[in-house]
Structure formats: structure tokens, C-alpha cells
Amino acid sequence: MRTVPESQLRQFSAAALIAIGSAPDIAGVVADSLVDANLMGHDSHGVLRLPWYVAHARSGQVLPAARPSLVASSGATAQVDGRLGWG
């Protein structure tokens, strides 16, 4: 099995998400989350999911350009509308 450097995997994942319409800042956060999951040993939630993310974006089930918005906030709780974005 080939080992891919962490930085290269982050770049590739972010580039794939940008290519389907995510803003660079959002793509970076999502890519980091995927790679971090792999590094923590949670491979089922890592970059293995990238093809699934792309497929769901292409089918309209996820809107890659969506930005979450704060709906309500009260003390230690908040209601966030993810707007069908990554989550």
C-alpha cells in the first residue's frame, strides 16, 4: 500500500472540493476534518468519504458553496442552519 504525505492529502482533498464548487476556506476546513479523522484512526470518516462527498454534491444532495448561518443563540446553545452544506 502506498503512503501519501499528510500535506499532499490535505491539498488533494481541498482541490477536489474546490473543483465541485466549495469556497477555498470551506474546502480547507472539510479537507482538514477528513484527513484528521484518518490521522486519529477513524478511517471510515476520513478521505474514504471524498468520493461520496463529490457524488452527493453532483446529485444536489449537498450544496458545496453553502455557508452555514446562525439562526438563534442563547447562552450555551445555538441553532445553525447548514443550508445543505457540508456537515
PDB file of N, CA and C in Angstrom:
ATOM      1  N   MET A   1       0.843  -1.174   0.000  1.00  0.00           N
ATOM      2  CA  MET A   1       0.000   0.000   0.000  1.00  0.00           C
ATOM      3  C   MET A   1       0.893   1.243   0.000  1.00  0.00           C
ATOM      4  N   ARG A   2       0.498   2.231  -0.775  1.00  0.00           N
ATOM      5  CA  ARG A   2       1.255   3.473  -0.890  1.00  0.00           C
ATOM      6  C   ARG A   2       0.888   4.425   0.243  1.00  0.00           C
ATOM      7  N   THR A   3       1.867   5.089   0.810  1.00  0.00           N
ATOM      8  CA  THR A   3       1.639   6.102   1.839  1.00  0.00           C
ATOM      9  C   THR A   3       1.688   7.476   1.188  1.00  0.00           C
ATOM     10  N   VAL A   4       0.672   8.290   1.451  1.00  0.00           N
ATOM     11  CA  VAL A   4       0.600   9.637   0.895  1.00  0.00           C
ATOM     12  C   VAL A   4       0.875  10.622   2.030  1.00  0.00           C
ATOM     13  N   PRO A   5       1.783  11.571   1.835  1.00  0.00           N
ATOM     14  CA  PRO A   5       2.063  12.549   2.886  1.00  0.00           C
ATOM     15  C   PRO A   5       0.792  13.335   3.262  1.00  0.00           C
ATOM     16  N   GLU A   6       0.686  13.628   4.542  1.00  0.00           N
ATOM     17  CA  GLU A   6      -0.487  14.337   5.063  1.00  0.00           C
ATOM     18  C   GLU A   6      -0.759  15.632   4.305  1.00  0.00           C
ATOM     19  N   SER A   7       0.256  16.427   4.074  1.00  0.00           N
ATOM     20  CA  SER A   7       0.064  17.716   3.405  1.00  0.00           C
ATOM     21  C   SER A   7      -0.472  17.523   1.985  1.00  0.00           C
ATOM     22  N   GLN A   8       0.015  16.504   1.303  1.00  0.00           N
ATOM     23  CA  GLN A   8      -0.442  16.223  -0.056  1.00  0.00           C
ATOM     24  C   GLN A   8      -1.904  15.777  -0.055  1.00  0.00           C
ATOM     25  N   LEU A   9      -2.279  14.996   0.940  1.00  0.00           N
ATOM     26  CA  LEU A   9      -3.652  14.526   1.056  1.00  0.00           C
ATOM     27  C   LEU A   9      -4.600  15.686   1.357  1.00  0.00           C
ATOM     28  N   ARG A  10      -4.161  16.609   2.209  1.00  0.00           N
ATOM     29  CA  ARG A  10      -4.975  17.803   2.511  1.00  0.00           C
ATOM     30  C   ARG A  10      -5.168  18.643   1.250  1.00  0.00           C
ATOM     31  N   GLN A  11      -4.082  18.854   0.500  1.00  0.00           N
ATOM     32  CA  GLN A  11      -4.150  19.651  -0.732  1.00  0.00           C
ATOM     33  C   GLN A  11      -5.067  19.006  -1.757  1.00  0.00           C
ATOM     34  N   PHE A  12      -4.906  17.701  -1.956  1.00  0.00           N
ATOM     35  CA  PHE A  12      -5.726  16.987  -2.929  1.00  0.00           C
ATOM     36  C   PHE A  12      -7.197  17.056  -2.550  1.00  0.00           C
ATOM     37  N   SER A  13      -7.507  16.818  -1.285  1.00  0.00           N
ATOM     38  CA  SER A  13      -8.897  16.821  -0.833  1.00  0.00           C
ATOM     39  C   SER A  13      -9.514  18.199  -0.991  1.00  0.00           C
ATOM     40  N   ALA A  14      -8.792  19.233  -0.594  1.00  0.00           N
ATOM     41  CA  ALA A  14      -9.299  20.598  -0.743  1.00  0.00           C
ATOM     42  C   ALA A  14      -9.506  20.941  -2.218  1.00  0.00           C
ATOM     43  N   ALA A  15      -8.567  20.563  -3.063  1.00  0.00           N
ATOM     44  CA  ALA A  15      -8.692  20.845  -4.502  1.00  0.00           C
ATOM     45  C   ALA A  15      -9.909  20.153  -5.097  1.00  0.00           C
ATOM     46  N   ALA A  16     -10.183  18.927  -4.671  1.00  0.00           N
ATOM     47  CA  ALA A  16     -11.357  18.205  -5.172  1.00  0.00           C
ATOM     48  C   ALA A  16     -12.637  18.931  -4.763  1.00  0.00           C
ATOM     49  N   LEU A  17     -12.686  19.427  -3.542  1.00  0.00           N
ATOM     50  CA  LEU A  17     -13.884  20.135  -3.058  1.00  0.00           C
ATOM     51  C   LEU A  17     -14.043  21.492  -3.741  1.00  0.00           C
ATOM     52  N   ILE A  18     -12.942  22.172  -3.975  1.00  0.00           N
ATOM     53  CA  ILE A  18     -12.991  23.447  -4.706  1.00  0.00           C
ATOM     54  C   ILE A  18     -13.476  23.208  -6.127  1.00  0.00           C
ATOM     55  N   ALA A  19     -13.042  22.120  -6.740  1.00  0.00           N
ATOM     56  CA  ALA A  19     -13.428  21.806  -8.119  1.00  0.00           C
ATOM     57  C   ALA A  19     -14.925  21.573  -8.268  1.00  0.00           C
ATOM     58  N   ILE A  20     -15.603  21.187  -7.187  1.00  0.00           N
ATOM     59  CA  ILE A  20     -17.057  20.977  -7.273  1.00  0.00           C
ATOM     60  C   ILE A  20     -17.848  22.145  -6.701  1.00  0.00           C
ATOM     61  N   GLY A  21     -17.159  23.256  -6.394  1.00  0.00           N
ATOM     62  CA  GLY A  21     -17.868  24.467  -6.043  1.00  0.00           C
ATOM     63  C   GLY A  21     -17.723  24.998  -4.639  1.00  0.00           C
ATOM     64  N   SER A  22     -16.941  24.355  -3.798  1.00  0.00           N
ATOM     65  CA  SER A  22     -16.728  24.871  -2.440  1.00  0.00           C
ATOM     66  C   SER A  22     -15.763  26.050  -2.476  1.00  0.00           C
ATOM     67  N   ALA A  23     -16.007  27.002  -1.593  1.00  0.00           N
ATOM     68  CA  ALA A  23     -15.055  28.106  -1.430  1.00  0.00           C
ATOM     69  C   ALA A  23     -13.778  27.538  -0.812  1.00  0.00           C
ATOM     70  N   PRO A  24     -12.632  28.119  -1.127  1.00  0.00           N
ATOM     71  CA  PRO A  24     -11.373  27.598  -0.595  1.00  0.00           C
ATOM     72  C   PRO A  24     -11.334  27.470   0.929  1.00  0.00           C
ATOM     73  N   ASP A  25     -11.902  28.438   1.648  1.00  0.00           N
ATOM     74  CA  ASP A  25     -11.855  28.356   3.106  1.00  0.00           C
ATOM     75  C   ASP A  25     -12.693  27.188   3.630  1.00  0.00           C
ATOM     76  N   ILE A  26     -13.857  26.979   3.036  1.00  0.00           N
ATOM     77  CA  ILE A  26     -14.705  25.861   3.453  1.00  0.00           C
ATOM     78  C   ILE A  26     -14.069  24.537   3.031  1.00  0.00           C
ATOM     79  N   ALA A  27     -13.539  24.490   1.824  1.00  0.00           N
ATOM     80  CA  ALA A  27     -12.888  23.270   1.349  1.00  0.00           C
ATOM     81  C   ALA A  27     -11.728  22.886   2.263  1.00  0.00           C
ATOM     82  N   GLY A  28     -10.996  23.870   2.736  1.00  0.00           N
ATOM     83  CA  GLY A  28      -9.877  23.606   3.632  1.00  0.00           C
ATOM     84  C   GLY A  28     -10.324  23.008   4.954  1.00  0.00           C
ATOM     85  N   VAL A  29     -11.410  23.529   5.504  1.00  0.00           N
ATOM     86  CA  VAL A  29     -11.929  23.003   6.773  1.00  0.00           C
ATOM     87  C   VAL A  29     -12.410  21.567   6.596  1.00  0.00           C
ATOM     88  N   VAL A  30     -13.142  21.312   5.520  1.00  0.00           N
ATOM     89  CA  VAL A  30     -13.654  19.956   5.270  1.00  0.00           C
ATOM     90  C   VAL A  30     -12.502  18.998   5.011  1.00  0.00           C
ATOM     91  N   ALA A  31     -11.539  19.406   4.194  1.00  0.00           N
ATOM     92  CA  ALA A  31     -10.386  18.548   3.905  1.00  0.00           C
ATOM     93  C   ALA A  31      -9.607  18.241   5.184  1.00  0.00           C
ATOM     94  N   ASP A  32      -9.413  19.257   6.014  1.00  0.00           N
ATOM     95  CA  ASP A  32      -8.715  19.039   7.281  1.00  0.00           C
ATOM     96  C   ASP A  32      -9.464  18.044   8.155  1.00  0.00           C
ATOM     97  N   SER A  33     -10.772  18.154   8.196  1.00  0.00           N
ATOM     98  CA  SER A  33     -11.579  17.235   9.006  1.00  0.00           C
ATOM     99  C   SER A  33     -11.437  15.797   8.515  1.00  0.00           C
ATOM    100  N   LEU A  34     -11.438  15.620   7.207  1.00  0.00           N
ATOM    101  CA  LEU A  34     -11.299  14.274   6.646  1.00  0.00           C
ATOM    102  C   LEU A  34      -9.924  13.681   6.964  1.00  0.00           C
ATOM    103  N   VAL A  35      -8.888  14.461   6.729  1.00  0.00           N
ATOM    104  CA  VAL A  35      -7.528  13.966   6.975  1.00  0.00           C
ATOM    105  C   VAL A  35      -7.305  13.742   8.475  1.00  0.00           C
ATOM    106  N   ASP A  36      -7.794  14.655   9.299  1.00  0.00           N
ATOM    107  CA  ASP A  36      -7.645  14.490  10.748  1.00  0.00           C
ATOM    108  C   ASP A  36      -8.332  13.214  11.230  1.00  0.00           C
ATOM    109  N   ALA A  37      -9.469  12.880  10.649  1.00  0.00           N
ATOM    110  CA  ALA A  37     -10.159  11.641  11.018  1.00  0.00           C
ATOM    111  C   ALA A  37      -9.254  10.443  10.727  1.00  0.00           C
ATOM    112  N   ASN A  38      -8.596  10.443   9.569  1.00  0.00           N
ATOM    113  CA  ASN A  38      -7.653   9.362   9.253  1.00  0.00           C
ATOM    114  C   ASN A  38      -6.513   9.312  10.261  1.00  0.00           C
ATOM    115  N   LEU A  39      -5.970  10.471  10.581  1.00  0.00           N
ATOM    116  CA  LEU A  39      -4.828  10.510  11.493  1.00  0.00           C
ATOM    117  C   LEU A  39      -5.198  10.039  12.898  1.00  0.00           C
ATOM    118  N   MET A  40      -6.461  10.185  13.262  1.00  0.00           N
ATOM    119  CA  MET A  40      -6.924   9.736  14.577  1.00  0.00           C
ATOM    120  C   MET A  40      -7.355   8.274  14.569  1.00  0.00           C
ATOM    121  N   GLY A  41      -7.250   7.634  13.400  1.00  0.00           N
ATOM    122  CA  GLY A  41      -7.601   6.228  13.315  1.00  0.00           C
ATOM    123  C   GLY A  41      -9.052   5.949  12.981  1.00  0.00           C
ATOM    124  N   HIS A  42      -9.786   6.994  12.603  1.00  0.00           N
ATOM    125  CA  HIS A  42     -11.195   6.850  12.229  1.00  0.00           C
ATOM    126  C   HIS A  42     -11.313   6.855  10.702  1.00  0.00           C
ATOM    127  N   ASP A  43     -10.708   5.850  10.084  1.00  0.00           N
ATOM    128  CA  ASP A  43     -10.621   5.817   8.628  1.00  0.00           C
ATOM    129  C   ASP A  43     -11.978   5.832   7.934  1.00  0.00           C
ATOM    130  N   SER A  44     -13.001   5.302   8.584  1.00  0.00           N
ATOM    131  CA  SER A  44     -14.332   5.287   7.964  1.00  0.00           C
ATOM    132  C   SER A  44     -14.909   6.693   7.824  1.00  0.00           C
ATOM    133  N   HIS A  45     -14.329   7.673   8.505  1.00  0.00           N
ATOM    134  CA  HIS A  45     -14.793   9.054   8.419  1.00  0.00           C
ATOM    135  C   HIS A  45     -13.721   9.964   7.811  1.00  0.00           C
ATOM    136  N   GLY A  46     -12.730   9.358   7.170  1.00  0.00           N
ATOM    137  CA  GLY A  46     -11.639  10.115   6.576  1.00  0.00           C
ATOM    138  C   GLY A  46     -11.819  10.340   5.089  1.00  0.00           C
ATOM    139  N   VAL A  47     -10.707  10.423   4.382  1.00  0.00           N
ATOM    140  CA  VAL A  47     -10.741  10.723   2.949  1.00  0.00           C
ATOM    141  C   VAL A  47     -11.443   9.631   2.142  1.00  0.00           C
ATOM    142  N   LEU A  48     -11.695   8.510   2.768  1.00  0.00           N
ATOM    143  CA  LEU A  48     -12.522   7.473   2.146  1.00  0.00           C
ATOM    144  C   LEU A  48     -13.876   8.056   1.733  1.00  0.00           C
ATOM    145  N   ARG A  49     -14.325   9.075   2.429  1.00  0.00           N
ATOM    146  CA  ARG A  49     -15.621   9.701   2.159  1.00  0.00           C
ATOM    147  C   ARG A  49     -15.586  10.701   1.004  1.00  0.00           C
ATOM    148  N   LEU A  50     -14.420  11.068   0.541  1.00  0.00           N
ATOM    149  CA  LEU A  50     -14.321  12.100  -0.500  1.00  0.00           C
ATOM    150  C   LEU A  50     -15.119  11.758  -1.764  1.00  0.00           C
ATOM    151  N   PRO A  51     -15.047  10.551  -2.313  1.00  0.00           N
ATOM    152  CA  PRO A  51     -15.877  10.242  -3.489  1.00  0.00           C
ATOM    153  C   PRO A  51     -17.382  10.366  -3.189  1.00  0.00           C
ATOM    154  N   TRP A  52     -17.774  10.013  -1.977  1.00  0.00           N
ATOM    155  CA  TRP A  52     -19.178  10.147  -1.561  1.00  0.00           C
ATOM    156  C   TRP A  52     -19.572  11.619  -1.535  1.00  0.00           C
ATOM    157  N   TYR A  53     -18.690  12.462  -0.998  1.00  0.00           N
ATOM    158  CA  TYR A  53     -18.960  13.903  -0.946  1.00  0.00           C
ATOM    159  C   TYR A  53     -19.139  14.456  -2.361  1.00  0.00           C
ATOM    160  N   VAL A  54     -18.260  14.074  -3.264  1.00  0.00           N
ATOM    161  CA  VAL A  54     -18.341  14.559  -4.646  1.00  0.00           C
ATOM    162  C   VAL A  54     -19.635  14.080  -5.299  1.00  0.00           C
ATOM    163  N   ALA A  55     -19.976  12.832  -5.120  1.00  0.00           N
ATOM    164  CA  ALA A  55     -21.207  12.286  -5.711  1.00  0.00           C
ATOM    165  C   ALA A  55     -22.435  12.998  -5.178  1.00  0.00           C
ATOM    166  N   HIS A  56     -22.468  13.258  -3.889  1.00  0.00           N
ATOM    167  CA  HIS A  56     -23.627  13.934  -3.303  1.00  0.00           C
ATOM    168  C   HIS A  56     -23.719  15.398  -3.748  1.00  0.00           C
ATOM    169  N   ALA A  57     -22.594  16.022  -3.967  1.00  0.00           N
ATOM    170  CA  ALA A  57     -22.605  17.385  -4.489  1.00  0.00           C
ATOM    171  C   ALA A  57     -23.116  17.399  -5.928  1.00  0.00           C
ATOM    172  N   ARG A  58     -22.654  16.464  -6.720  1.00  0.00           N
ATOM    173  CA  ARG A  58     -23.081  16.400  -8.127  1.00  0.00           C
ATOM    174  C   ARG A  58     -24.569  16.089  -8.259  1.00  0.00           C
ATOM    175  N   SER A  59     -25.114  15.327  -7.311  1.00  0.00           N
ATOM    176  CA  SER A  59     -26.541  14.970  -7.370  1.00  0.00           C
ATOM    177  C   SER A  59     -27.438  16.032  -6.743  1.00  0.00           C
ATOM    178  N   GLY A  60     -26.836  17.051  -6.108  1.00  0.00           N
ATOM    179  CA  GLY A  60     -27.626  18.109  -5.485  1.00  0.00           C
ATOM    180  C   GLY A  60     -28.033  17.827  -4.051  1.00  0.00           C
ATOM    181  N   GLN A  61     -27.599  16.703  -3.496  1.00  0.00           N
ATOM    182  CA  GLN A  61     -27.937  16.385  -2.110  1.00  0.00           C
ATOM    183  C   GLN A  61     -27.153  17.241  -1.128  1.00  0.00           C
ATOM    184  N   VAL A  62     -26.025  17.761  -1.571  1.00  0.00           N
ATOM    185  CA  VAL A  62     -25.201  18.683  -0.787  1.00  0.00           C
ATOM    186  C   VAL A  62     -24.908  19.876  -1.689  1.00  0.00           C
ATOM    187  N   LEU A  63     -24.935  21.062  -1.122  1.00  0.00           N
ATOM    188  CA  LEU A  63     -24.605  22.270  -1.877  1.00  0.00           C
ATOM    189  C   LEU A  63     -23.218  22.746  -1.441  1.00  0.00           C
ATOM    190  N   PRO A  64     -22.200  22.468  -2.246  1.00  0.00           N
ATOM    191  CA  PRO A  64     -20.826  22.741  -1.834  1.00  0.00           C
ATOM    192  C   PRO A  64     -20.519  24.213  -1.569  1.00  0.00           C
ATOM    193  N   ALA A  65     -21.261  25.119  -2.164  1.00  0.00           N
ATOM    194  CA  ALA A  65     -20.997  26.546  -1.958  1.00  0.00           C
ATOM    195  C   ALA A  65     -21.742  27.109  -0.756  1.00  0.00           C
ATOM    196  N   ALA A  66     -22.567  26.297  -0.105  1.00  0.00           N
ATOM    197  CA  ALA A  66     -23.372  26.781   1.023  1.00  0.00           C
ATOM    198  C   ALA A  66     -22.496  27.192   2.200  1.00  0.00           C
ATOM    199  N   ARG A  67     -22.941  28.236   2.871  1.00  0.00           N
ATOM    200  CA  ARG A  67     -22.294  28.689   4.107  1.00  0.00           C
ATOM    201  C   ARG A  67     -23.326  28.606   5.229  1.00  0.00           C
ATOM    202  N   PRO A  68     -22.970  27.984   6.342  1.00  0.00           N
ATOM    203  CA  PRO A  68     -23.919  27.897   7.451  1.00  0.00           C
ATOM    204  C   PRO A  68     -24.214  29.280   8.023  1.00  0.00           C
ATOM    205  N   SER A  69     -25.387  29.416   8.616  1.00  0.00           N
ATOM    206  CA  SER A  69     -25.735  30.686   9.248  1.00  0.00           C
ATOM    207  C   SER A  69     -26.309  30.428  10.636  1.00  0.00           C
ATOM    208  N   LEU A  70     -26.064  31.361  11.528  1.00  0.00           N
ATOM    209  CA  LEU A  70     -26.574  31.287  12.884  1.00  0.00           C
ATOM    210  C   LEU A  70     -28.019  31.754  12.884  1.00  0.00           C
ATOM    211  N   VAL A  71     -28.911  30.890  13.330  1.00  0.00           N
ATOM    212  CA  VAL A  71     -30.335  31.212  13.379  1.00  0.00           C
ATOM    213  C   VAL A  71     -30.694  31.821  14.725  1.00  0.00           C
ATOM    214  N   ALA A  72     -30.222  31.197  15.796  1.00  0.00           N
ATOM    215  CA  ALA A  72     -30.514  31.686  17.141  1.00  0.00           C
ATOM    216  C   ALA A  72     -29.385  31.267  18.071  1.00  0.00           C
ATOM    217  N   SER A  73     -29.169  32.075  19.099  1.00  0.00           N
ATOM    218  CA  SER A  73     -28.136  31.768  20.075  1.00  0.00           C
ATOM    219  C   SER A  73     -28.642  32.168  21.454  1.00  0.00           C
ATOM    220  N   SER A  74     -28.416  31.281  22.417  1.00  0.00           N
ATOM    221  CA  SER A  74     -28.873  31.553  23.769  1.00  0.00           C
ATOM    222  C   SER A  74     -27.936  30.869  24.753  1.00  0.00           C
ATOM    223  N   GLY A  75     -27.053  31.610  25.355  1.00  0.00           N
ATOM    224  CA  GLY A  75     -26.134  31.029  26.328  1.00  0.00           C
ATOM    225  C   GLY A  75     -25.234  29.980  25.718  1.00  0.00           C
ATOM    226  N   ALA A  76     -25.395  28.742  26.179  1.00  0.00           N
ATOM    227  CA  ALA A  76     -24.525  27.647  25.743  1.00  0.00           C
ATOM    228  C   ALA A  76     -25.065  26.895  24.538  1.00  0.00           C
ATOM    229  N   THR A  77     -26.165  27.353  23.958  1.00  0.00           N
ATOM    230  CA  THR A  77     -26.742  26.652  22.817  1.00  0.00           C
ATOM    231  C   THR A  77     -26.855  27.580  21.614  1.00  0.00           C
ATOM    232  N   ALA A  78     -26.918  26.977  20.461  1.00  0.00           N
ATOM    233  CA  ALA A  78     -27.092  27.745  19.232  1.00  0.00           C
ATOM    234  C   ALA A  78     -27.847  26.888  18.229  1.00  0.00           C
ATOM    235  N   GLN A  79     -28.589  27.543  17.375  1.00  0.00           N
ATOM    236  CA  GLN A  79     -29.264  26.872  16.276  1.00  0.00           C
ATOM    237  C   GLN A  79     -28.600  27.365  14.993  1.00  0.00           C
ATOM    238  N   VAL A  80     -28.098  26.416  14.210  1.00  0.00           N
ATOM    239  CA  VAL A  80     -27.372  26.747  12.985  1.00  0.00           C
ATOM    240  C   VAL A  80     -28.090  26.117  11.805  1.00  0.00           C
ATOM    241  N   ASP A  81     -28.281  26.899  10.751  1.00  0.00           N
ATOM    242  CA  ASP A  81     -28.839  26.386   9.503  1.00  0.00           C
ATOM    243  C   ASP A  81     -27.663  26.042   8.597  1.00  0.00           C
ATOM    244  N   GLY A  82     -27.480  24.769   8.320  1.00  0.00           N
ATOM    245  CA  GLY A  82     -26.370  24.330   7.484  1.00  0.00           C
ATOM    246  C   GLY A  82     -26.585  24.568   6.003  1.00  0.00           C
ATOM    247  N   ARG A  83     -27.803  24.909   5.616  1.00  0.00           N
ATOM    248  CA  ARG A  83     -28.131  25.234   4.223  1.00  0.00           C
ATOM    249  C   ARG A  83     -27.718  24.148   3.227  1.00  0.00           C
ATOM    250  N   LEU A  84     -27.805  22.917   3.643  1.00  0.00           N
ATOM    251  CA  LEU A  84     -27.446  21.754   2.822  1.00  0.00           C
ATOM    252  C   LEU A  84     -25.965  21.703   2.456  1.00  0.00           C
ATOM    253  N   GLY A  85     -25.138  22.380   3.252  1.00  0.00           N
ATOM    254  CA  GLY A  85     -23.701  22.347   3.016  1.00  0.00           C
ATOM    255  C   GLY A  85     -23.064  21.162   3.724  1.00  0.00           C
ATOM    256  N   TRP A  86     -21.759  21.186   3.774  1.00  0.00           N
ATOM    257  CA  TRP A  86     -21.009  20.116   4.440  1.00  0.00           C
ATOM    258  C   TRP A  86     -21.313  20.147   5.925  1.00  0.00           C
ATOM    259  N   GLY A  87     -21.394  18.959   6.518  1.00  0.00           N
ATOM    260  CA  GLY A  87     -21.730  18.978   7.940  1.00  0.00           C
ATOM    261  C   GLY A  87     -21.415  17.738   8.680  1.00  0.00           C
TER     262      GLY A  87
END
